[in-house]
Amino acid sequence: MSQIFYTEIHLKLLRHLEENPQVSQRELAEHLGVSLGKINYCIKSLKEKGWLKVRNFKNSNNKIAYAYKLTPKGISEKAKITARYLRHKIQEYETLENEIATLRQEVSGTL
């Protein structure tokens, strides 16, 4: 798996968990467009790194559910990932902008 995907999926996961701490892993998988196994793996990884705390609670259906909370380290790392991701997206944008300009020149030269 590429580092960019890893960064993007973790950033999206951290952002979503911060806004929706009681979301289920199934809902996360659906929202992020990845497998349930991938979500489970990512959450376990973030927990092991100390970026995420996971707590059990009883939900309204009398089932055990989880609440996710970013740790101070998780919040700090989320900011770093966001900055890296933003730099990557700006670079992608600039590359695409140059490609569009080149294509426009090609098209205007043939008309």
N, C-alpha and C. Protein backbone atom coordinates (compact mmCIF):
# COMPACT_ATOMS: atom_id res chain seq x y z
N MET A 1 0.84 -1.18 0.00
CA MET A 1 0.00 0.00 0.00
C MET A 1 0.88 1.24 0.00
N SER A 2 0.52 2.22 -0.79
CA SER A 2 1.35 3.41 -0.88
C SER A 2 1.21 4.28 0.37
N GLN A 3 2.22 5.08 0.63
CA GLN A 3 2.21 5.97 1.79
C GLN A 3 1.09 7.00 1.67
N ILE A 4 0.80 7.45 0.45
CA ILE A 4 -0.25 8.45 0.26
C ILE A 4 -1.60 7.88 0.68
N PHE A 5 -1.92 6.66 0.26
CA PHE A 5 -3.19 6.05 0.65
C PHE A 5 -3.22 5.89 2.16
N TYR A 6 -2.12 5.39 2.72
CA TYR A 6 -2.03 5.22 4.16
C TYR A 6 -2.31 6.52 4.87
N THR A 7 -1.72 7.59 4.43
CA THR A 7 -1.92 8.90 5.04
C THR A 7 -3.36 9.36 4.85
N GLU A 8 -3.88 9.21 3.65
CA GLU A 8 -5.24 9.67 3.37
C GLU A 8 -6.27 8.92 4.19
N ILE A 9 -6.16 7.61 4.26
CA ILE A 9 -7.15 6.82 4.99
C ILE A 9 -7.06 7.10 6.48
N HIS A 10 -5.84 7.24 7.00
CA HIS A 10 -5.71 7.54 8.42
C HIS A 10 -6.21 8.95 8.74
N LEU A 11 -5.95 9.89 7.86
CA LEU A 11 -6.45 11.25 8.08
C LEU A 11 -7.97 11.25 8.09
N LYS A 12 -8.58 10.61 7.10
CA LYS A 12 -10.04 10.57 7.03
C LYS A 12 -10.61 9.85 8.25
N LEU A 13 -9.96 8.78 8.66
CA LEU A 13 -10.41 8.03 9.83
C LEU A 13 -10.33 8.88 11.08
N LEU A 14 -9.19 9.53 11.31
CA LEU A 14 -9.03 10.39 12.48
C LEU A 14 -10.04 11.53 12.49
N ARG A 15 -10.25 12.14 11.34
CA ARG A 15 -11.21 13.25 11.25
C ARG A 15 -12.62 12.77 11.57
N HIS A 16 -13.00 11.64 11.01
CA HIS A 16 -14.36 11.12 11.22
C HIS A 16 -14.56 10.69 12.68
N LEU A 17 -13.56 10.04 13.26
CA LEU A 17 -13.68 9.62 14.66
C LEU A 17 -13.75 10.81 15.60
N GLU A 18 -13.02 11.85 15.27
CA GLU A 18 -13.05 13.06 16.11
C GLU A 18 -14.45 13.68 16.10
N GLU A 19 -15.09 13.67 14.94
CA GLU A 19 -16.43 14.26 14.81
C GLU A 19 -17.55 13.31 15.24
N ASN A 20 -17.30 11.99 15.16
CA ASN A 20 -18.32 10.98 15.45
C ASN A 20 -17.72 9.89 16.33
N PRO A 21 -17.48 10.16 17.61
CA PRO A 21 -16.77 9.20 18.45
C PRO A 21 -17.50 7.88 18.69
N GLN A 22 -18.81 7.83 18.48
CA GLN A 22 -19.56 6.60 18.75
C GLN A 22 -19.96 5.87 17.48
N VAL A 23 -19.30 6.17 16.38
CA VAL A 23 -19.59 5.51 15.11
C VAL A 23 -19.13 4.06 15.17
N SER A 24 -19.84 3.18 14.48
CA SER A 24 -19.43 1.78 14.44
C SER A 24 -18.36 1.59 13.37
N GLN A 25 -17.62 0.50 13.49
CA GLN A 25 -16.60 0.21 12.48
C GLN A 25 -17.25 -0.06 11.13
N ARG A 26 -18.40 -0.66 11.13
CA ARG A 26 -19.12 -0.91 9.88
C ARG A 26 -19.50 0.42 9.20
N GLU A 27 -19.99 1.37 9.99
CA GLU A 27 -20.32 2.69 9.44
C GLU A 27 -19.08 3.40 8.94
N LEU A 28 -17.98 3.27 9.66
CA LEU A 28 -16.72 3.87 9.22
C LEU A 28 -16.28 3.29 7.88
N ALA A 29 -16.36 1.97 7.76
CA ALA A 29 -15.96 1.31 6.52
C ALA A 29 -16.81 1.81 5.36
N GLU A 30 -18.09 1.92 5.59
CA GLU A 30 -19.00 2.40 4.55
C GLU A 30 -18.69 3.85 4.18
N HIS A 31 -18.52 4.68 5.20
CA HIS A 31 -18.26 6.11 4.97
C HIS A 31 -16.94 6.34 4.23
N LEU A 32 -15.92 5.55 4.56
CA LEU A 32 -14.60 5.75 3.97
C LEU A 32 -14.38 4.92 2.71
N GLY A 33 -15.29 4.01 2.43
CA GLY A 33 -15.18 3.21 1.21
C GLY A 33 -14.08 2.17 1.25
N VAL A 34 -13.84 1.61 2.44
CA VAL A 34 -12.84 0.56 2.58
C VAL A 34 -13.49 -0.62 3.31
N SER A 35 -12.78 -1.73 3.38
CA SER A 35 -13.33 -2.92 4.01
C SER A 35 -13.38 -2.76 5.54
N LEU A 36 -14.25 -3.55 6.13
CA LEU A 36 -14.36 -3.57 7.59
C LEU A 36 -13.04 -4.03 8.21
N GLY A 37 -12.39 -5.00 7.58
CA GLY A 37 -11.09 -5.48 8.05
C GLY A 37 -10.04 -4.37 8.05
N LYS A 38 -10.05 -3.54 7.02
CA LYS A 38 -9.11 -2.42 6.93
C LYS A 38 -9.35 -1.43 8.06
N ILE A 39 -10.62 -1.15 8.36
CA ILE A 39 -10.95 -0.23 9.45
C ILE A 39 -10.47 -0.82 10.77
N ASN A 40 -10.74 -2.09 10.99
CA ASN A 40 -10.31 -2.75 12.21
C ASN A 40 -8.80 -2.67 12.37
N TYR A 41 -8.08 -2.95 11.27
CA TYR A 41 -6.62 -2.89 11.27
C TYR A 41 -6.13 -1.47 11.59
N CYS A 42 -6.72 -0.47 10.97
CA CYS A 42 -6.31 0.93 11.17
C CYS A 42 -6.58 1.38 12.61
N ILE A 43 -7.75 1.03 13.14
CA ILE A 43 -8.08 1.42 14.51
C ILE A 43 -7.10 0.76 15.49
N LYS A 44 -6.83 -0.51 15.27
CA LYS A 44 -5.88 -1.22 16.13
C LYS A 44 -4.50 -0.55 16.07
N SER A 45 -4.08 -0.19 14.86
CA SER A 45 -2.79 0.47 14.67
C SER A 45 -2.75 1.83 15.38
N LEU A 46 -3.81 2.61 15.23
CA LEU A 46 -3.86 3.93 15.87
C LEU A 46 -3.88 3.80 17.39
N LYS A 47 -4.56 2.79 17.88
CA LYS A 47 -4.60 2.54 19.32
C LYS A 47 -3.21 2.15 19.83
N GLU A 48 -2.54 1.27 19.11
CA GLU A 48 -1.19 0.83 19.51
C GLU A 48 -0.18 1.98 19.49
N LYS A 49 -0.37 2.92 18.58
CA LYS A 49 0.53 4.08 18.49
C LYS A 49 0.24 5.09 19.60
N GLY A 50 -0.89 4.91 20.29
CA GLY A 50 -1.26 5.85 21.34
C GLY A 50 -1.98 7.08 20.83
N TRP A 51 -2.52 6.98 19.62
CA TRP A 51 -3.22 8.12 19.01
C TRP A 51 -4.72 8.08 19.31
N LEU A 52 -5.20 6.94 19.75
CA LEU A 52 -6.64 6.73 19.89
C LEU A 52 -6.92 5.90 21.13
N LYS A 53 -7.93 6.33 21.90
CA LYS A 53 -8.43 5.54 23.02
C LYS A 53 -9.77 4.97 22.61
N VAL A 54 -10.00 3.72 23.00
CA VAL A 54 -11.25 3.05 22.67
C VAL A 54 -11.90 2.63 23.98
N ARG A 55 -13.16 3.03 24.15
CA ARG A 55 -13.90 2.71 25.37
C ARG A 55 -15.15 1.93 25.03
N ASN A 56 -15.51 0.99 25.89
CA ASN A 56 -16.75 0.24 25.74
C ASN A 56 -17.90 1.00 26.40
N PHE A 57 -19.08 0.87 25.84
CA PHE A 57 -20.28 1.38 26.49
C PHE A 57 -21.47 0.57 25.98
N LYS A 58 -22.56 0.63 26.70
CA LYS A 58 -23.78 -0.07 26.26
C LYS A 58 -24.59 0.91 25.42
N ASN A 59 -24.99 0.45 24.23
CA ASN A 59 -25.82 1.34 23.41
C ASN A 59 -27.29 1.04 23.70
N SER A 60 -28.18 1.75 23.04
CA SER A 60 -29.61 1.64 23.33
C SER A 60 -30.18 0.26 23.03
N ASN A 61 -29.51 -0.54 22.21
CA ASN A 61 -29.99 -1.88 21.89
C ASN A 61 -29.42 -2.93 22.84
N ASN A 62 -28.87 -2.48 23.98
CA ASN A 62 -28.29 -3.39 24.97
C ASN A 62 -27.10 -4.17 24.42
N LYS A 63 -26.41 -3.63 23.48
CA LYS A 63 -25.22 -4.25 22.93
C LYS A 63 -24.01 -3.44 23.35
N ILE A 64 -22.87 -4.10 23.38
CA ILE A 64 -21.63 -3.39 23.67
C ILE A 64 -21.23 -2.63 22.41
N ALA A 65 -20.91 -1.38 22.58
CA ALA A 65 -20.44 -0.55 21.47
C ALA A 65 -19.15 0.13 21.93
N TYR A 66 -18.55 0.90 21.06
CA TYR A 66 -17.30 1.56 21.39
C TYR A 66 -17.40 3.06 21.15
N ALA A 67 -16.65 3.79 21.93
CA ALA A 67 -16.48 5.23 21.72
C ALA A 67 -15.00 5.46 21.49
N TYR A 68 -14.69 6.26 20.50
CA TYR A 68 -13.31 6.52 20.11
C TYR A 68 -12.95 7.96 20.46
N LYS A 69 -11.79 8.15 21.06
CA LYS A 69 -11.34 9.49 21.42
C LYS A 69 -9.88 9.65 21.02
N LEU A 70 -9.60 10.70 20.28
CA LEU A 70 -8.21 10.99 19.92
C LEU A 70 -7.47 11.45 21.17
N THR A 71 -6.27 10.93 21.35
CA THR A 71 -5.42 11.35 22.46
C THR A 71 -4.73 12.65 22.05
N PRO A 72 -4.09 13.34 23.00
CA PRO A 72 -3.33 14.54 22.62
C PRO A 72 -2.29 14.22 21.53
N LYS A 73 -1.64 13.05 21.65
CA LYS A 73 -0.68 12.65 20.62
C LYS A 73 -1.40 12.43 19.28
N GLY A 74 -2.59 11.84 19.33
CA GLY A 74 -3.38 11.63 18.11
C GLY A 74 -3.77 12.94 17.46
N ILE A 75 -4.12 13.91 18.25
CA ILE A 75 -4.49 15.23 17.72
C ILE A 75 -3.28 15.88 17.06
N SER A 76 -2.13 15.76 17.71
CA SER A 76 -0.89 16.31 17.15
C SER A 76 -0.52 15.62 15.84
N GLU A 77 -0.59 14.30 15.82
CA GLU A 77 -0.26 13.54 14.61
C GLU A 77 -1.26 13.83 13.50
N LYS A 78 -2.52 14.01 13.85
CA LYS A 78 -3.53 14.35 12.84
C LYS A 78 -3.17 15.67 12.17
N ALA A 79 -2.68 16.63 12.94
CA ALA A 79 -2.27 17.91 12.37
C ALA A 79 -1.09 17.72 11.41
N LYS A 80 -0.15 16.86 11.78
CA LYS A 80 1.01 16.61 10.91
C LYS A 80 0.58 15.90 9.62
N ILE A 81 -0.29 14.92 9.75
CA ILE A 81 -0.78 14.20 8.58
C ILE A 81 -1.55 15.16 7.67
N THR A 82 -2.34 16.04 8.27
CA THR A 82 -3.11 17.01 7.50
C THR A 82 -2.18 17.91 6.69
N ALA A 83 -1.10 18.36 7.32
CA ALA A 83 -0.15 19.23 6.62
C ALA A 83 0.51 18.49 5.45
N ARG A 84 0.92 17.23 5.68
CA ARG A 84 1.53 16.43 4.60
C ARG A 84 0.53 16.19 3.47
N TYR A 85 -0.68 15.87 3.84
CA TYR A 85 -1.71 15.59 2.84
C TYR A 85 -2.01 16.85 2.02
N LEU A 86 -2.07 17.99 2.69
CA LEU A 86 -2.32 19.25 2.00
C LEU A 86 -1.19 19.55 1.01
N ARG A 87 0.05 19.35 1.43
CA ARG A 87 1.19 19.58 0.51
C ARG A 87 1.08 18.67 -0.71
N HIS A 88 0.73 17.42 -0.48
CA HIS A 88 0.57 16.46 -1.58
C HIS A 88 -0.54 16.90 -2.54
N LYS A 89 -1.67 17.32 -1.99
CA LYS A 89 -2.80 17.73 -2.83
C LYS A 89 -2.48 19.01 -3.60
N ILE A 90 -1.75 19.92 -3.01
CA ILE A 90 -1.33 21.14 -3.72
C ILE A 90 -0.42 20.77 -4.88
N GLN A 91 0.50 19.85 -4.64
CA GLN A 91 1.39 19.40 -5.71
C GLN A 91 0.60 18.74 -6.83
N GLU A 92 -0.35 17.90 -6.49
CA GLU A 92 -1.23 17.28 -7.49
C GLU A 92 -1.98 18.34 -8.29
N TYR A 93 -2.50 19.34 -7.59
CA TYR A 93 -3.25 20.41 -8.22
C TYR A 93 -2.36 21.18 -9.20
N GLU A 94 -1.17 21.51 -8.79
CA GLU A 94 -0.26 22.27 -9.66
C GLU A 94 0.13 21.45 -10.88
N THR A 95 0.36 20.17 -10.71
CA THR A 95 0.68 19.29 -11.84
C THR A 95 -0.49 19.24 -12.81
N LEU A 96 -1.67 19.10 -12.28
CA LEU A 96 -2.87 19.06 -13.12
C LEU A 96 -3.10 20.39 -13.83
N GLU A 97 -2.86 21.46 -13.13
CA GLU A 97 -3.00 22.80 -13.72
C GLU A 97 -2.05 22.97 -14.91
N ASN A 98 -0.81 22.51 -14.76
CA ASN A 98 0.17 22.58 -15.86
C ASN A 98 -0.26 21.71 -17.03
N GLU A 99 -0.75 20.52 -16.73
CA GLU A 99 -1.21 19.62 -17.78
C GLU A 99 -2.39 20.22 -18.55
N ILE A 100 -3.30 20.85 -17.84
CA ILE A 100 -4.45 21.50 -18.49
C ILE A 100 -3.97 22.63 -19.40
N ALA A 101 -3.03 23.43 -18.93
CA ALA A 101 -2.50 24.52 -19.75
C ALA A 101 -1.85 23.97 -21.02
N THR A 102 -1.11 22.89 -20.91
CA THR A 102 -0.46 22.27 -22.06
C THR A 102 -1.52 21.76 -23.04
N LEU A 103 -2.53 21.09 -22.53
CA LEU A 103 -3.60 20.57 -23.39
C LEU A 103 -4.36 21.70 -24.08
N ARG A 104 -4.58 22.79 -23.38
CA ARG A 104 -5.26 23.94 -23.99
C ARG A 104 -4.45 24.51 -25.15
N GLN A 105 -3.13 24.57 -24.96
CA GLN A 105 -2.27 25.05 -26.04
C GLN A 105 -2.33 24.13 -27.24
N GLU A 106 -2.32 22.83 -26.98
CA GLU A 106 -2.40 21.85 -28.07
C GLU A 106 -3.71 21.98 -28.83
N VAL A 107 -4.79 22.12 -28.09
CA VAL A 107 -6.11 22.22 -28.72
C VAL A 107 -6.24 23.53 -29.50
N SER A 108 -5.76 24.62 -28.95
CA SER A 108 -5.90 25.91 -29.64
C SER A 108 -5.02 25.94 -30.90
N GLY A 109 -3.94 25.18 -30.92
CA GLY A 109 -3.07 25.13 -32.08
C GLY A 109 -3.65 24.31 -33.21
N THR A 110 -4.58 23.42 -32.91
CA THR A 110 -5.17 22.56 -33.96
C THR A 110 -6.48 23.11 -34.49
N LEU A 111 -7.04 24.09 -33.85
CA LEU A 111 -8.34 24.63 -34.32
C LEU A 111 -8.17 25.70 -35.36
